[in-house]
Full PDB file with SEQRES, HELIX, SHEET, SSBOND, CRYST1, ORIGX, SCALE, CONECT and MASTER records, all heavy atoms in Angstrom:
SEQRES   1 A   33  ALA VAL ARG ALA ARG LEU LEU GLU SER ARG GLU GLU ALA          
SEQRES   2 A   33  LYS ARG LEU ALA GLY GLU GLU SER GLY ILE LEU GLY SER          
SEQRES   3 A   33  LEU MET LYS LEU ASP GLU ASP                                  
HELIX    1 AA1 VAL A    2  GLU A   32  1                                  31    
CRYST1    1.000    1.000    1.000  90.00  90.00  90.00 P 1           1          
ORIGX1      1.000000  0.000000  0.000000        0.00000                         
ORIGX2      0.000000  1.000000  0.000000        0.00000                         
ORIGX3      0.000000  0.000000  1.000000        0.00000                         
SCALE1      1.000000  0.000000  0.000000        0.00000                         
SCALE2      0.000000  1.000000  0.000000        0.00000                         
SCALE3      0.000000  0.000000  1.000000        0.00000                         
ATOM      1  N   ALA A   1     105.527  81.022 116.241  1.00  0.00           N  
ATOM      2  CA  ALA A   1     104.938  80.632 117.512  1.00  0.00           C  
ATOM      3  C   ALA A   1     104.814  79.106 117.621  1.00  0.00           C  
ATOM      4  O   ALA A   1     105.076  78.463 118.637  1.00  0.00           O  
ATOM      5  CB  ALA A   1     103.580  81.244 117.682  1.00  0.00           C  
ATOM      6  N   VAL A   2     104.445  78.472 116.519  1.00  0.00           N  
ATOM      7  CA  VAL A   2     104.321  77.002 116.488  1.00  0.00           C  
ATOM      8  C   VAL A   2     105.704  76.372 116.665  1.00  0.00           C  
ATOM      9  O   VAL A   2     105.860  75.428 117.403  1.00  0.00           O  
ATOM     10  CB  VAL A   2     103.675  76.546 115.190  1.00  0.00           C  
ATOM     11  CG1 VAL A   2     103.795  75.009 114.985  1.00  0.00           C  
ATOM     12  CG2 VAL A   2     102.199  76.920 115.151  1.00  0.00           C  
ATOM     13  N   ARG A   3     106.720  76.979 116.010  1.00  0.00           N  
ATOM     14  CA  ARG A   3     108.052  76.445 116.155  1.00  0.00           C  
ATOM     15  C   ARG A   3     108.534  76.613 117.619  1.00  0.00           C  
ATOM     16  O   ARG A   3     109.195  75.706 118.109  1.00  0.00           O  
ATOM     17  CB  ARG A   3     109.028  77.156 115.208  1.00  0.00           C  
ATOM     18  CG  ARG A   3     108.893  76.705 113.802  1.00  0.00           C  
ATOM     19  CD  ARG A   3     109.921  77.336 112.905  1.00  0.00           C  
ATOM     20  NE  ARG A   3     109.726  76.884 111.532  1.00  0.00           N  
ATOM     21  CZ  ARG A   3     109.988  77.564 110.467  1.00  0.00           C  
ATOM     22  NH1 ARG A   3     110.468  78.791 110.575  1.00  0.00           N  
ATOM     23  NH2 ARG A   3     109.819  77.026 109.278  1.00  0.00           N  
ATOM     24  N   ALA A   4     108.216  77.744 118.217  1.00  0.00           N  
ATOM     25  CA  ALA A   4     108.626  77.999 119.570  1.00  0.00           C  
ATOM     26  C   ALA A   4     107.940  77.010 120.473  1.00  0.00           C  
ATOM     27  O   ALA A   4     108.544  76.426 121.391  1.00  0.00           O  
ATOM     28  CB  ALA A   4     108.308  79.396 120.007  1.00  0.00           C  
ATOM     29  N   ARG A   5     106.649  76.760 120.241  1.00  0.00           N  
ATOM     30  CA  ARG A   5     105.918  75.790 121.071  1.00  0.00           C  
ATOM     31  C   ARG A   5     106.468  74.360 120.855  1.00  0.00           C  
ATOM     32  O   ARG A   5     106.572  73.567 121.734  1.00  0.00           O  
ATOM     33  CB  ARG A   5     104.431  75.816 120.753  1.00  0.00           C  
ATOM     34  CG  ARG A   5     103.764  76.945 121.534  1.00  0.00           C  
ATOM     35  CD  ARG A   5     102.222  76.908 121.370  1.00  0.00           C  
ATOM     36  NE  ARG A   5     101.913  77.317 120.013  1.00  0.00           N  
ATOM     37  CZ  ARG A   5     100.838  76.962 119.314  1.00  0.00           C  
ATOM     38  NH1 ARG A   5      99.974  76.241 119.858  1.00  0.00           N  
ATOM     39  NH2 ARG A   5     100.647  77.427 118.118  1.00  0.00           N  
ATOM     40  N   LEU A   6     106.832  74.066 119.580  1.00  0.00           N  
ATOM     41  CA  LEU A   6     107.428  72.758 119.296  1.00  0.00           C  
ATOM     42  C   LEU A   6     108.751  72.569 120.003  1.00  0.00           C  
ATOM     43  O   LEU A   6     109.012  71.531 120.604  1.00  0.00           O  
ATOM     44  CB  LEU A   6     107.607  72.632 117.740  1.00  0.00           C  
ATOM     45  CG  LEU A   6     108.183  71.291 117.286  1.00  0.00           C  
ATOM     46  CD1 LEU A   6     107.282  70.140 117.694  1.00  0.00           C  
ATOM     47  CD2 LEU A   6     108.446  71.345 115.829  1.00  0.00           C  
ATOM     48  N   LEU A   7     109.595  73.662 119.997  1.00  0.00           N  
ATOM     49  CA  LEU A   7     110.845  73.626 120.709  1.00  0.00           C  
ATOM     50  C   LEU A   7     110.652  73.422 122.215  1.00  0.00           C  
ATOM     51  O   LEU A   7     111.308  72.645 122.860  1.00  0.00           O  
ATOM     52  CB  LEU A   7     111.664  74.877 120.407  1.00  0.00           C  
ATOM     53  CG  LEU A   7     113.094  74.963 120.997  1.00  0.00           C  
ATOM     54  CD1 LEU A   7     113.937  73.834 120.443  1.00  0.00           C  
ATOM     55  CD2 LEU A   7     113.705  76.282 120.688  1.00  0.00           C  
ATOM     56  N   GLU A   8     109.690  74.162 122.754  1.00  0.00           N  
ATOM     57  CA  GLU A   8     109.376  74.032 124.199  1.00  0.00           C  
ATOM     58  C   GLU A   8     108.853  72.659 124.501  1.00  0.00           C  
ATOM     59  O   GLU A   8     109.242  72.051 125.513  1.00  0.00           O  
ATOM     60  CB  GLU A   8     108.300  75.049 124.605  1.00  0.00           C  
ATOM     61  CG  GLU A   8     108.787  76.492 124.717  1.00  0.00           C  
ATOM     62  CD  GLU A   8     107.642  77.462 124.957  1.00  0.00           C  
ATOM     63  OE1 GLU A   8     106.492  76.965 125.305  1.00  0.00           O  
ATOM     64  OE2 GLU A   8     107.857  78.657 124.897  1.00  0.00           O  
ATOM     65  N   SER A   9     108.036  72.110 123.645  1.00  0.00           N  
ATOM     66  CA  SER A   9     107.489  70.737 123.844  1.00  0.00           C  
ATOM     67  C   SER A   9     108.613  69.675 123.780  1.00  0.00           C  
ATOM     68  O   SER A   9     108.612  68.761 124.603  1.00  0.00           O  
ATOM     69  CB  SER A   9     106.454  70.388 122.740  1.00  0.00           C  
ATOM     70  OG  SER A   9     105.320  71.225 122.888  1.00  0.00           O  
ATOM     71  N   ARG A  10     109.567  69.854 122.859  1.00  0.00           N  
ATOM     72  CA  ARG A  10     110.708  68.959 122.811  1.00  0.00           C  
ATOM     73  C   ARG A  10     111.583  69.052 124.073  1.00  0.00           C  
ATOM     74  O   ARG A  10     111.989  67.979 124.596  1.00  0.00           O  
ATOM     75  CB  ARG A  10     111.537  69.248 121.570  1.00  0.00           C  
ATOM     76  CG  ARG A  10     110.877  68.747 120.297  1.00  0.00           C  
ATOM     77  CD  ARG A  10     111.773  68.994 119.122  1.00  0.00           C  
ATOM     78  NE  ARG A  10     111.080  68.545 117.879  1.00  0.00           N  
ATOM     79  CZ  ARG A  10     111.397  68.913 116.669  1.00  0.00           C  
ATOM     80  NH1 ARG A  10     112.414  69.791 116.484  1.00  0.00           N  
ATOM     81  NH2 ARG A  10     110.788  68.434 115.643  1.00  0.00           N  
ATOM     82  N   GLU A  11     111.791  70.249 124.534  1.00  0.00           N  
ATOM     83  CA  GLU A  11     112.611  70.429 125.750  1.00  0.00           C  
ATOM     84  C   GLU A  11     111.867  69.825 126.945  1.00  0.00           C  
ATOM     85  O   GLU A  11     112.450  69.173 127.815  1.00  0.00           O  
ATOM     86  CB  GLU A  11     112.882  71.916 126.014  1.00  0.00           C  
ATOM     87  CG  GLU A  11     113.918  72.446 125.009  1.00  0.00           C  
ATOM     88  CD  GLU A  11     114.146  73.967 125.168  1.00  0.00           C  
ATOM     89  OE1 GLU A  11     113.539  74.580 126.101  1.00  0.00           O  
ATOM     90  OE2 GLU A  11     114.891  74.501 124.357  1.00  0.00           O  
ATOM     91  N   GLU A  12     110.558  70.046 126.988  1.00  0.00           N  
ATOM     92  CA  GLU A  12     109.739  69.387 128.085  1.00  0.00           C  
ATOM     93  C   GLU A  12     109.765  67.919 127.997  1.00  0.00           C  
ATOM     94  O   GLU A  12     109.839  67.247 129.002  1.00  0.00           O  
ATOM     95  CB  GLU A  12     108.263  69.957 127.996  1.00  0.00           C  
ATOM     96  CG  GLU A  12     107.340  69.446 129.039  1.00  0.00           C  
ATOM     97  CD  GLU A  12     107.637  69.970 130.417  1.00  0.00           C  
ATOM     98  OE1 GLU A  12     108.395  70.940 130.549  1.00  0.00           O  
ATOM     99  OE2 GLU A  12     107.086  69.397 131.401  1.00  0.00           O  
ATOM    100  N   ALA A  13     109.717  67.373 126.771  1.00  0.00           N  
ATOM    101  CA  ALA A  13     109.773  65.913 126.582  1.00  0.00           C  
ATOM    102  C   ALA A  13     111.090  65.378 127.058  1.00  0.00           C  
ATOM    103  O   ALA A  13     111.156  64.321 127.706  1.00  0.00           O  
ATOM    104  CB  ALA A  13     109.549  65.578 125.121  1.00  0.00           C  
ATOM    105  N   LYS A  14     112.212  66.104 126.761  1.00  0.00           N  
ATOM    106  CA  LYS A  14     113.532  65.688 127.260  1.00  0.00           C  
ATOM    107  C   LYS A  14     113.605  65.707 128.792  1.00  0.00           C  
ATOM    108  O   LYS A  14     114.100  64.771 129.402  1.00  0.00           O  
ATOM    109  CB  LYS A  14     114.632  66.565 126.684  1.00  0.00           C  
ATOM    110  CG  LYS A  14     114.958  66.326 125.234  1.00  0.00           C  
ATOM    111  CD  LYS A  14     116.101  67.255 124.797  1.00  0.00           C  
ATOM    112  CE  LYS A  14     116.338  67.157 123.327  1.00  0.00           C  
ATOM    113  NZ  LYS A  14     117.404  68.085 122.895  1.00  0.00           N  
ATOM    114  N   ARG A  15     113.071  66.762 129.381  1.00  0.00           N  
ATOM    115  CA  ARG A  15     113.034  66.885 130.814  1.00  0.00           C  
ATOM    116  C   ARG A  15     112.196  65.784 131.455  1.00  0.00           C  
ATOM    117  O   ARG A  15     112.624  65.125 132.392  1.00  0.00           O  
ATOM    118  CB  ARG A  15     112.465  68.235 131.238  1.00  0.00           C  
ATOM    119  CG  ARG A  15     112.554  68.515 132.755  1.00  0.00           C  
ATOM    120  CD  ARG A  15     111.892  69.833 133.117  1.00  0.00           C  
ATOM    121  NE  ARG A  15     110.438  69.817 132.935  1.00  0.00           N  
ATOM    122  CZ  ARG A  15     109.533  69.248 133.659  1.00  0.00           C  
ATOM    123  NH1 ARG A  15     109.932  68.532 134.690  1.00  0.00           N  
ATOM    124  NH2 ARG A  15     108.263  69.305 133.388  1.00  0.00           N  
ATOM    125  N   LEU A  16     111.030  65.473 130.875  1.00  0.00           N  
ATOM    126  CA  LEU A  16     110.208  64.436 131.374  1.00  0.00           C  
ATOM    127  C   LEU A  16     110.856  63.045 131.186  1.00  0.00           C  
ATOM    128  O   LEU A  16     110.711  62.159 132.063  1.00  0.00           O  
ATOM    129  CB  LEU A  16     108.861  64.467 130.707  1.00  0.00           C  
ATOM    130  CG  LEU A  16     107.933  65.647 131.111  1.00  0.00           C  
ATOM    131  CD1 LEU A  16     106.645  65.604 130.286  1.00  0.00           C  
ATOM    132  CD2 LEU A  16     107.606  65.581 132.593  1.00  0.00           C  
ATOM    133  N   ALA A  17     111.578  62.861 130.086  1.00  0.00           N  
ATOM    134  CA  ALA A  17     112.279  61.608 129.844  1.00  0.00           C  
ATOM    135  C   ALA A  17     113.344  61.416 130.909  1.00  0.00           C  
ATOM    136  O   ALA A  17     113.583  60.333 131.416  1.00  0.00           O  
ATOM    137  CB  ALA A  17     112.887  61.569 128.452  1.00  0.00           C  
ATOM    138  N   GLY A  18     114.043  62.515 131.244  1.00  0.00           N  
ATOM    139  CA  GLY A  18     115.048  62.459 132.341  1.00  0.00           C  
ATOM    140  C   GLY A  18     114.404  62.102 133.672  1.00  0.00           C  
ATOM    141  O   GLY A  18     114.913  61.257 134.439  1.00  0.00           O  
ATOM    142  N   GLU A  19     113.289  62.700 133.968  1.00  0.00           N  
ATOM    143  CA  GLU A  19     112.528  62.403 135.195  1.00  0.00           C  
ATOM    144  C   GLU A  19     112.083  60.962 135.222  1.00  0.00           C  
ATOM    145  O   GLU A  19     112.193  60.254 136.199  1.00  0.00           O  
ATOM    146  CB  GLU A  19     111.321  63.328 135.363  1.00  0.00           C  
ATOM    147  CG  GLU A  19     111.655  64.721 135.833  1.00  0.00           C  
ATOM    148  CD  GLU A  19     110.410  65.550 136.083  1.00  0.00           C  
ATOM    149  OE1 GLU A  19     109.344  64.971 136.333  1.00  0.00           O  
ATOM    150  OE2 GLU A  19     110.522  66.770 135.983  1.00  0.00           O  
ATOM    151  N   GLU A  20     111.575  60.495 134.032  1.00  0.00           N  
ATOM    152  CA  GLU A  20     111.076  59.120 133.936  1.00  0.00           C  
ATOM    153  C   GLU A  20     112.241  58.164 134.172  1.00  0.00           C  
ATOM    154  O   GLU A  20     112.111  57.165 134.865  1.00  0.00           O  
ATOM    155  CB  GLU A  20     110.524  58.878 132.535  1.00  0.00           C  
ATOM    156  CG  GLU A  20     110.003  57.444 132.360  1.00  0.00           C  
ATOM    157  CD  GLU A  20     109.586  57.176 130.903  1.00  0.00           C  
ATOM    158  OE1 GLU A  20     110.024  57.868 130.018  1.00  0.00           O  
ATOM    159  OE2 GLU A  20     108.759  56.260 130.712  1.00  0.00           O  
ATOM    160  N   SER A  21     113.438  58.484 133.587  1.00  0.00           N  
ATOM    161  CA  SER A  21     114.580  57.639 133.765  1.00  0.00           C  
ATOM    162  C   SER A  21     114.990  57.576 135.226  1.00  0.00           C  
ATOM    163  O   SER A  21     115.296  56.486 135.762  1.00  0.00           O  
ATOM    164  CB  SER A  21     115.745  58.151 132.949  1.00  0.00           C  
ATOM    165  OG  SER A  21     116.926  57.418 133.164  1.00  0.00           O  
ATOM    166  N   GLY A  22     114.945  58.738 135.912  1.00  0.00           N  
ATOM    167  CA  GLY A  22     115.251  58.756 137.359  1.00  0.00           C  
ATOM    168  C   GLY A  22     114.256  57.993 138.178  1.00  0.00           C  
ATOM    169  O   GLY A  22     114.628  57.241 139.075  1.00  0.00           O  
ATOM    170  N   ILE A  23     112.976  58.130 137.835  1.00  0.00           N  
ATOM    171  CA  ILE A  23     111.959  57.381 138.535  1.00  0.00           C  
ATOM    172  C   ILE A  23     112.078  55.896 138.348  1.00  0.00           C  
ATOM    173  O   ILE A  23     111.960  55.097 139.277  1.00  0.00           O  
ATOM    174  CB  ILE A  23     110.557  57.893 138.153  1.00  0.00           C  
ATOM    175  CG1 ILE A  23     110.353  59.349 138.661  1.00  0.00           C  
ATOM    176  CG2 ILE A  23     109.441  56.995 138.636  1.00  0.00           C  
ATOM    177  CD1 ILE A  23     109.109  60.038 138.185  1.00  0.00           C  
ATOM    178  N   LEU A  24     112.369  55.493 137.075  1.00  0.00           N  
ATOM    179  CA  LEU A  24     112.543  54.070 136.804  1.00  0.00           C  
ATOM    180  C   LEU A  24     113.766  53.515 137.526  1.00  0.00           C  
ATOM    181  O   LEU A  24     113.683  52.376 138.054  1.00  0.00           O  
ATOM    182  CB  LEU A  24     112.674  53.842 135.277  1.00  0.00           C  
ATOM    183  CG  LEU A  24     111.404  53.981 134.490  1.00  0.00           C  
ATOM    184  CD1 LEU A  24     111.713  53.839 132.988  1.00  0.00           C  
ATOM    185  CD2 LEU A  24     110.397  52.912 134.857  1.00  0.00           C  
ATOM    186  N   GLY A  25     114.808  54.296 137.643  1.00  0.00           N  
ATOM    187  CA  GLY A  25     115.989  53.886 138.342  1.00  0.00           C  
ATOM    188  C   GLY A  25     115.643  53.684 139.833  1.00  0.00           C  
ATOM    189  O   GLY A  25     116.067  52.750 140.460  1.00  0.00           O  
ATOM    190  N   SER A  26     114.898  54.660 140.377  1.00  0.00           N  
ATOM    191  CA  SER A  26     114.473  54.544 141.783  1.00  0.00           C  
ATOM    192  C   SER A  26     113.586  53.328 142.002  1.00  0.00           C  
ATOM    193  O   SER A  26     113.757  52.610 142.999  1.00  0.00           O  
ATOM    194  CB  SER A  26     113.730  55.789 142.180  1.00  0.00           C  
ATOM    195  OG  SER A  26     114.547  56.921 142.167  1.00  0.00           O  
ATOM    196  N   LEU A  27     112.714  53.063 141.063  1.00  0.00           N  
ATOM    197  CA  LEU A  27     111.795  51.878 141.181  1.00  0.00           C  
ATOM    198  C   LEU A  27     112.617  50.571 141.143  1.00  0.00           C  
ATOM    199  O   LEU A  27     112.365  49.644 141.880  1.00  0.00           O  
ATOM    200  CB  LEU A  27     110.737  51.889 140.101  1.00  0.00           C  
ATOM    201  CG  LEU A  27     109.600  52.852 140.298  1.00  0.00           C  
ATOM    202  CD1 LEU A  27     108.645  52.856 139.076  1.00  0.00           C  
ATOM    203  CD2 LEU A  27     108.821  52.499 141.527  1.00  0.00           C  
ATOM    204  N   MET A  28     113.619  50.530 140.255  1.00  0.00           N  
ATOM    205  CA  MET A  28     114.459  49.325 140.147  1.00  0.00           C  
ATOM    206  C   MET A  28     115.243  49.153 141.445  1.00  0.00           C  
ATOM    207  O   MET A  28     115.403  48.011 141.937  1.00  0.00           O  
ATOM    208  CB  MET A  28     115.383  49.458 138.945  1.00  0.00           C  
ATOM    209  CG  MET A  28     114.660  49.290 137.591  1.00  0.00           C  
ATOM    210  SD  MET A  28     115.683  49.606 136.161  1.00  0.00           S  
ATOM    211  CE  MET A  28     117.020  48.469 136.349  1.00  0.00           C  
ATOM    212  N   LYS A  29     115.743  50.240 141.988  1.00  0.00           N  
ATOM    213  CA  LYS A  29     116.490  50.147 143.307  1.00  0.00           C  
ATOM    214  C   LYS A  29     115.568  49.659 144.407  1.00  0.00           C  
ATOM    215  O   LYS A  29     115.947  48.804 145.192  1.00  0.00           O  
ATOM    216  CB  LYS A  29     117.097  51.528 143.598  1.00  0.00           C  
ATOM    217  CG  LYS A  29     117.788  51.625 144.907  1.00  0.00           C  
ATOM    218  CD  LYS A  29     119.090  50.852 144.926  1.00  0.00           C  
ATOM    219  CE  LYS A  29     119.847  51.128 146.227  1.00  0.00           C  
ATOM    220  NZ  LYS A  29     120.229  49.925 146.938  1.00  0.00           N  
ATOM    221  N   LEU A  30     114.335  50.206 144.427  1.00  0.00           N  
ATOM    222  CA  LEU A  30     113.392  49.786 145.463  1.00  0.00           C  
ATOM    223  C   LEU A  30     113.004  48.299 145.272  1.00  0.00           C  
ATOM    224  O   LEU A  30     112.898  47.569 146.264  1.00  0.00           O  
ATOM    225  CB  LEU A  30     112.100  50.645 145.402  1.00  0.00           C  
ATOM    226  CG  LEU A  30     112.248  52.082 145.909  1.00  0.00           C  
ATOM    227  CD1 LEU A  30     111.006  52.853 145.608  1.00  0.00           C  
ATOM    228  CD2 LEU A  30     112.573  52.080 147.389  1.00  0.00           C  
ATOM    229  N   ASP A  31     112.866  47.877 144.039  1.00  0.00           N  
ATOM    230  CA  ASP A  31     112.557  46.458 143.783  1.00  0.00           C  
ATOM    231  C   ASP A  31     113.699  45.570 144.242  1.00  0.00           C  
ATOM    232  O   ASP A  31     113.494  44.519 144.804  1.00  0.00           O  
ATOM    233  CB  ASP A  31     112.266  46.241 142.285  1.00  0.00           C  
ATOM    234  CG  ASP A  31     111.739  44.874 141.967  1.00  0.00           C  
ATOM    235  OD1 ASP A  31     110.799  44.423 142.695  1.00  0.00           O  
ATOM    236  OD2 ASP A  31     112.248  44.262 141.044  1.00  0.00           O  
ATOM    237  N   GLU A  32     114.924  45.991 143.927  1.00  0.00           N  
ATOM    238  CA  GLU A  32     116.095  45.219 144.403  1.00  0.00           C  
ATOM    239  C   GLU A  32     116.186  45.186 145.939  1.00  0.00           C  
ATOM    240  O   GLU A  32     116.423  44.117 146.510  1.00  0.00           O  
ATOM    241  CB  GLU A  32     117.350  45.902 143.847  1.00  0.00           C  
ATOM    242  CG  GLU A  32     118.639  45.145 144.123  1.00  0.00           C  
ATOM    243  CD  GLU A  32     119.830  45.849 143.535  1.00  0.00           C  
ATOM    244  OE1 GLU A  32     119.777  46.299 142.406  1.00  0.00           O  
ATOM    245  OE2 GLU A  32     120.864  45.938 144.264  1.00  0.00           O  
ATOM    246  N   ASP A  33     115.936  46.318 146.560  1.00  0.00           N  
ATOM    247  CA  ASP A  33     115.909  46.376 148.025  1.00  0.00           C  
ATOM    248  C   ASP A  33     114.818  45.460 148.583  1.00  0.00           C  
ATOM    249  O   ASP A  33     115.007  44.749 149.560  1.00  0.00           O  
ATOM    250  CB  ASP A  33     115.661  47.768 148.529  1.00  0.00           C  
ATOM    251  CG  ASP A  33     116.864  48.704 148.271  1.00  0.00           C  
ATOM    252  OD1 ASP A  33     117.962  48.187 148.001  1.00  0.00           O  
ATOM    253  OD2 ASP A  33     116.731  49.913 148.483  1.00  0.00           O  
TER     254      ASP A  33                                                      
MASTER        0    0    0    1    0    0    0    6  253    1    0    3          
END                                                                             
């Protein structure tokens, strides 16, 4: 169960990192605009 939760947490962290990257890209574009 701990391993499953750890795997889920890692997948969630990857998903959040992707969202963060997208948000940072959007912020950079807005700043440039």
